[in-house]
Amino acid sequence: MSTDHASAHHIDNPGKSGPPPRIDTVATVPGAPPAPEGAEAMTILVTLPPDSPGAPPHRHSGPAYGYVVKGAIDFELEGEPARVVQAGEAFWEPGGDVIHYQDGNHLAGEESAFVVTMFCAPGQPMLTVVDPEELEARRDRRAPRS
């Protein structure tokens, strides 16, 4: 995922008074995988209480694209180092076989929240928890933790 905070787009709306909207690119995902055929797009708002660990390690049946609207979240995907995503920043998950290890609240004293749009494969749940045996079998795929 790349971020390009410098790019802005302006849309003229002839015949209307007032300034036009400003559209800023927050992030892009070059070469993103396609959504599963027949996917259901689902947008959810997740609000994490202070110090919430978030969901247990899990995966999604299709890609997910999110934006932190408040606070900061701990974010870790299989094969990538853990990072903190702040309010105003986006995150991306390819879905499928990739494990999402962390999505908890990075803040101990205040709420954090993010909006995420997921493209779920038909007939599959939006989130599937990964069991401890699979986590152990795949531990070599997790990025080193400091």
C-alpha atoms as a PDB file:
ATOM      1  CA  MET A   1       0.000   0.000   0.000  1.00  0.00           C
ATOM      2  CA  SER A   2       1.304   3.409  -0.817  1.00  0.00           C
ATOM      3  CA  THR A   3       0.289   6.764   0.536  1.00  0.00           C
ATOM      4  CA  ASP A   4       0.200   9.948  -1.447  1.00  0.00           C
ATOM      5  CA  HIS A   5      -0.966  12.786   0.741  1.00  0.00           C
ATOM      6  CA  ALA A   6       0.236  15.353  -1.814  1.00  0.00           C
ATOM      7  CA  SER A   7      -2.267  14.436  -4.506  1.00  0.00           C
ATOM      8  CA  ALA A   8      -5.510  16.350  -4.416  1.00  0.00           C
ATOM      9  CA  HIS A   9      -8.298  16.468  -6.943  1.00  0.00           C
ATOM     10  CA  HIS A  10     -10.748  19.281  -7.516  1.00  0.00           C
ATOM     11  CA  ILE A  11     -14.118  18.781  -9.180  1.00  0.00           C
ATOM     12  CA  ASP A  12     -15.829  21.735 -10.795  1.00  0.00           C
ATOM     13  CA  ASN A  13     -19.612  21.848 -10.548  1.00  0.00           C
ATOM     14  CA  PRO A  14     -20.747  24.562 -12.996  1.00  0.00           C
ATOM     15  CA  GLY A  15     -23.862  26.419 -11.994  1.00  0.00           C
ATOM     16  CA  LYS A  16     -23.453  25.753  -8.270  1.00  0.00           C
ATOM     17  CA  SER A  17     -22.298  28.358  -5.789  1.00  0.00           C
ATOM     18  CA  GLY A  18     -19.657  27.757  -3.174  1.00  0.00           C
ATOM     19  CA  PRO A  19     -16.265  26.116  -3.404  1.00  0.00           C
ATOM     20  CA  PRO A  20     -15.888  22.682  -5.042  1.00  0.00           C
ATOM     21  CA  PRO A  21     -15.074  19.628  -2.916  1.00  0.00           C
ATOM     22  CA  ARG A  22     -11.451  18.724  -2.321  1.00  0.00           C
ATOM     23  CA  ILE A  23     -10.577  15.049  -2.698  1.00  0.00           C
ATOM     24  CA  ASP A  24      -7.294  13.847  -1.151  1.00  0.00           C
ATOM     25  CA  THR A  25      -5.821  10.422  -1.800  1.00  0.00           C
ATOM     26  CA  VAL A  26      -5.097   8.777   1.562  1.00  0.00           C
ATOM     27  CA  ALA A  27      -3.627   5.506   0.241  1.00  0.00           C
ATOM     28  CA  THR A  28      -3.615   3.228  -2.789  1.00  0.00           C
ATOM     29  CA  VAL A  29      -2.997  -0.503  -3.232  1.00  0.00           C
ATOM     30  CA  PRO A  30      -1.136  -1.205  -6.490  1.00  0.00           C
ATOM     31  CA  GLY A  31      -1.795  -4.701  -7.845  1.00  0.00           C
ATOM     32  CA  ALA A  32      -4.475  -5.490  -5.276  1.00  0.00           C
ATOM     33  CA  PRO A  33      -6.038  -8.939  -5.676  1.00  0.00           C
ATOM     34  CA  PRO A  34      -9.562  -9.018  -7.049  1.00  0.00           C
ATOM     35  CA  ALA A  35     -12.538  -9.641  -4.823  1.00  0.00           C
ATOM     36  CA  PRO A  36     -13.827 -13.228  -4.861  1.00  0.00           C
ATOM     37  CA  GLU A  37     -16.396 -13.851  -7.603  1.00  0.00           C
ATOM     38  CA  GLY A  38     -19.872 -12.987  -6.351  1.00  0.00           C
ATOM     39  CA  ALA A  39     -18.419 -11.284  -3.258  1.00  0.00           C
ATOM     40  CA  GLU A  40     -20.556  -9.314  -0.851  1.00  0.00           C
ATOM     41  CA  ALA A  41     -19.063  -5.906  -0.020  1.00  0.00           C
ATOM     42  CA  MET A  42     -19.487  -5.082   3.645  1.00  0.00           C
ATOM     43  CA  THR A  43     -18.456  -1.874   5.406  1.00  0.00           C
ATOM     44  CA  ILE A  44     -18.273  -1.936   9.198  1.00  0.00           C
ATOM     45  CA  LEU A  45     -17.278   0.479  11.938  1.00  0.00           C
ATOM     46  CA  VAL A  46     -15.169  -1.119  14.687  1.00  0.00           C
ATOM     47  CA  THR A  47     -14.906   0.794  17.969  1.00  0.00           C
ATOM     48  CA  LEU A  48     -12.225  -0.447  20.358  1.00  0.00           C
ATOM     49  CA  PRO A  49     -12.500   0.470  24.062  1.00  0.00           C
ATOM     50  CA  PRO A  50      -9.296   1.662  25.757  1.00  0.00           C
ATOM     51  CA  ASP A  51      -6.625  -1.077  25.767  1.00  0.00           C
ATOM     52  CA  SER A  52      -8.863  -3.539  23.826  1.00  0.00           C
ATOM     53  CA  PRO A  53      -6.849  -6.361  22.235  1.00  0.00           C
ATOM     54  CA  GLY A  54      -9.264  -6.453  19.272  1.00  0.00           C
ATOM     55  CA  ALA A  55     -10.163  -9.677  17.469  1.00  0.00           C
ATOM     56  CA  PRO A  56      -8.092 -12.832  17.992  1.00  0.00           C
ATOM     57  CA  PRO A  57      -5.829 -13.923  15.087  1.00  0.00           C
ATOM     58  CA  HIS A  58      -8.101 -14.423  12.079  1.00  0.00           C
ATOM     59  CA  ARG A  59      -8.432 -14.254   8.300  1.00  0.00           C
ATOM     60  CA  HIS A  60     -10.928 -12.868   5.826  1.00  0.00           C
ATOM     61  CA  SER A  61     -12.240 -14.661   2.722  1.00  0.00           C
ATOM     62  CA  GLY A  62     -11.487 -11.637   0.539  1.00  0.00           C
ATOM     63  CA  PRO A  63      -9.604  -8.357   0.591  1.00  0.00           C
ATOM     64  CA  ALA A  64     -10.245  -5.684   3.212  1.00  0.00           C
ATOM     65  CA  TYR A  65      -9.435  -1.982   3.090  1.00  0.00           C
ATOM     66  CA  GLY A  66      -9.709   0.221   6.155  1.00  0.00           C
ATOM     67  CA  TYR A  67      -9.222   3.689   7.569  1.00  0.00           C
ATOM     68  CA  VAL A  68      -8.581   4.656  11.189  1.00  0.00           C
ATOM     69  CA  VAL A  69     -11.014   7.425  12.110  1.00  0.00           C
ATOM     70  CA  LYS A  70     -10.048   7.864  15.764  1.00  0.00           C
ATOM     71  CA  GLY A  71      -7.064   6.963  17.935  1.00  0.00           C
ATOM     72  CA  ALA A  72      -4.517   4.364  16.842  1.00  0.00           C
ATOM     73  CA  ILE A  73      -4.573   0.606  16.257  1.00  0.00           C
ATOM     74  CA  ASP A  74      -1.949  -2.119  16.467  1.00  0.00           C
ATOM     75  CA  PHE A  75      -1.896  -3.855  13.087  1.00  0.00           C
ATOM     76  CA  GLU A  76      -0.037  -7.011  12.078  1.00  0.00           C
ATOM     77  CA  LEU A  77      -0.451  -9.260   9.053  1.00  0.00           C
ATOM     78  CA  GLU A  78       1.363 -12.534   8.495  1.00  0.00           C
ATOM     79  CA  GLY A  79       4.820 -11.899   7.031  1.00  0.00           C
ATOM     80  CA  GLU A  80       4.823  -8.175   7.844  1.00  0.00           C
ATOM     81  CA  PRO A  81       6.191  -6.419  10.928  1.00  0.00           C
ATOM     82  CA  ALA A  82       3.668  -5.157  13.453  1.00  0.00           C
ATOM     83  CA  ARG A  83       2.924  -1.447  13.108  1.00  0.00           C
ATOM     84  CA  VAL A  84       0.702   1.253  14.536  1.00  0.00           C
ATOM     85  CA  VAL A  85      -1.898   2.800  12.217  1.00  0.00           C
ATOM     86  CA  GLN A  86      -2.897   6.286  13.369  1.00  0.00           C
ATOM     87  CA  ALA A  87      -6.126   8.215  12.824  1.00  0.00           C
ATOM     88  CA  GLY A  88      -6.144   9.495   9.240  1.00  0.00           C
ATOM     89  CA  GLU A  89      -4.150   6.518   7.908  1.00  0.00           C
ATOM     90  CA  ALA A  90      -5.359   3.508   5.914  1.00  0.00           C
ATOM     91  CA  PHE A  91      -4.552  -0.205   6.034  1.00  0.00           C
ATOM     92  CA  TRP A  92      -4.954  -3.073   3.596  1.00  0.00           C
ATOM     93  CA  GLU A  93      -5.369  -6.862   3.875  1.00  0.00           C
ATOM     94  CA  PRO A  94      -5.310  -9.172   0.858  1.00  0.00           C
ATOM     95  CA  GLY A  95      -7.591 -11.716   2.557  1.00  0.00           C
ATOM     96  CA  GLY A  96      -7.553 -15.389   1.679  1.00  0.00           C
ATOM     97  CA  ASP A  97      -4.885 -17.439   3.424  1.00  0.00           C
ATOM     98  CA  VAL A  98      -3.107 -14.510   5.150  1.00  0.00           C
ATOM     99  CA  ILE A  99      -3.469 -14.392   8.949  1.00  0.00           C
ATOM    100  CA  HIS A 100      -4.312 -11.049  10.563  1.00  0.00           C
ATOM    101  CA  TYR A 101      -2.618 -11.265  13.969  1.00  0.00           C
ATOM    102  CA  GLN A 102      -3.457  -7.898  15.529  1.00  0.00           C
ATOM    103  CA  ASP A 103      -6.079  -5.170  15.244  1.00  0.00           C
ATOM    104  CA  GLY A 104      -6.246  -3.948  18.836  1.00  0.00           C
ATOM    105  CA  ASN A 105      -6.395  -0.503  20.376  1.00  0.00           C
ATOM    106  CA  HIS A 106      -2.891   0.923  20.725  1.00  0.00           C
ATOM    107  CA  LEU A 107      -4.125   3.398  23.334  1.00  0.00           C
ATOM    108  CA  ALA A 108      -4.622   2.466  26.981  1.00  0.00           C
ATOM    109  CA  GLY A 109      -6.599   5.569  27.933  1.00  0.00           C
ATOM    110  CA  GLU A 110      -8.968   6.290  25.042  1.00  0.00           C
ATOM    111  CA  GLU A 111     -11.152   4.690  22.390  1.00  0.00           C
ATOM    112  CA  SER A 112      -9.915   3.992  18.877  1.00  0.00           C
ATOM    113  CA  ALA A 113     -12.111   3.288  15.850  1.00  0.00           C
ATOM    114  CA  PHE A 114     -11.709   2.214  12.253  1.00  0.00           C
ATOM    115  CA  VAL A 115     -13.952   1.717   9.243  1.00  0.00           C
ATOM    116  CA  VAL A 116     -13.205  -1.267   7.025  1.00  0.00           C
ATOM    117  CA  THR A 117     -14.761  -2.488   3.782  1.00  0.00           C
ATOM    118  CA  MET A 118     -14.422  -6.211   3.199  1.00  0.00           C
ATOM    119  CA  PHE A 119     -15.221  -8.258   0.127  1.00  0.00           C
ATOM    120  CA  CYS A 120     -16.469 -11.566   1.521  1.00  0.00           C
ATOM    121  CA  ALA A 121     -16.693 -14.733  -0.554  1.00  0.00           C
ATOM    122  CA  PRO A 122     -20.318 -15.889  -0.936  1.00  0.00           C
ATOM    123  CA  GLY A 123     -21.525 -18.137   1.868  1.00  0.00           C
ATOM    124  CA  GLN A 124     -18.433 -17.527   4.036  1.00  0.00           C
ATOM    125  CA  PRO A 125     -18.214 -15.540   7.254  1.00  0.00           C
ATOM    126  CA  MET A 126     -16.554 -12.128   7.218  1.00  0.00           C
ATOM    127  CA  LEU A 127     -14.004 -13.303   9.806  1.00  0.00           C
ATOM    128  CA  THR A 128     -12.686 -16.764  10.663  1.00  0.00           C
ATOM    129  CA  VAL A 129     -10.649 -17.219  13.856  1.00  0.00           C
ATOM    130  CA  VAL A 130      -7.391 -19.168  13.422  1.00  0.00           C
ATOM    131  CA  ASP A 131      -6.932 -21.970  15.973  1.00  0.00           C
ATOM    132  CA  PRO A 132      -3.795 -22.284  18.179  1.00  0.00           C
ATOM    133  CA  GLU A 133      -2.566 -25.391  16.318  1.00  0.00           C
ATOM    134  CA  GLU A 134      -2.511 -23.562  12.974  1.00  0.00           C
ATOM    135  CA  LEU A 135      -0.820 -20.534  14.563  1.00  0.00           C
ATOM    136  CA  GLU A 136       1.920 -22.821  15.869  1.00  0.00           C
ATOM    137  CA  ALA A 137       2.315 -24.606  12.518  1.00  0.00           C
ATOM    138  CA  ARG A 138       2.715 -21.259  10.728  1.00  0.00           C
ATOM    139  CA  ARG A 139       4.851 -19.415  13.279  1.00  0.00           C
ATOM    140  CA  ASP A 140       7.765 -19.302  10.808  1.00  0.00           C
ATOM    141  CA  ARG A 141       5.627 -17.074   8.544  1.00  0.00           C
ATOM    142  CA  ARG A 142       5.225 -14.386  11.202  1.00  0.00           C
ATOM    143  CA  ALA A 143       7.646 -11.467  11.008  1.00  0.00           C
ATOM    144  CA  PRO A 144      10.175 -11.284  13.862  1.00  0.00           C
ATOM    145  CA  ARG A 145       8.808  -9.357  16.825  1.00  0.00           C
ATOM    146  CA  SER A 146      10.881  -6.889  18.817  1.00  0.00           C
END
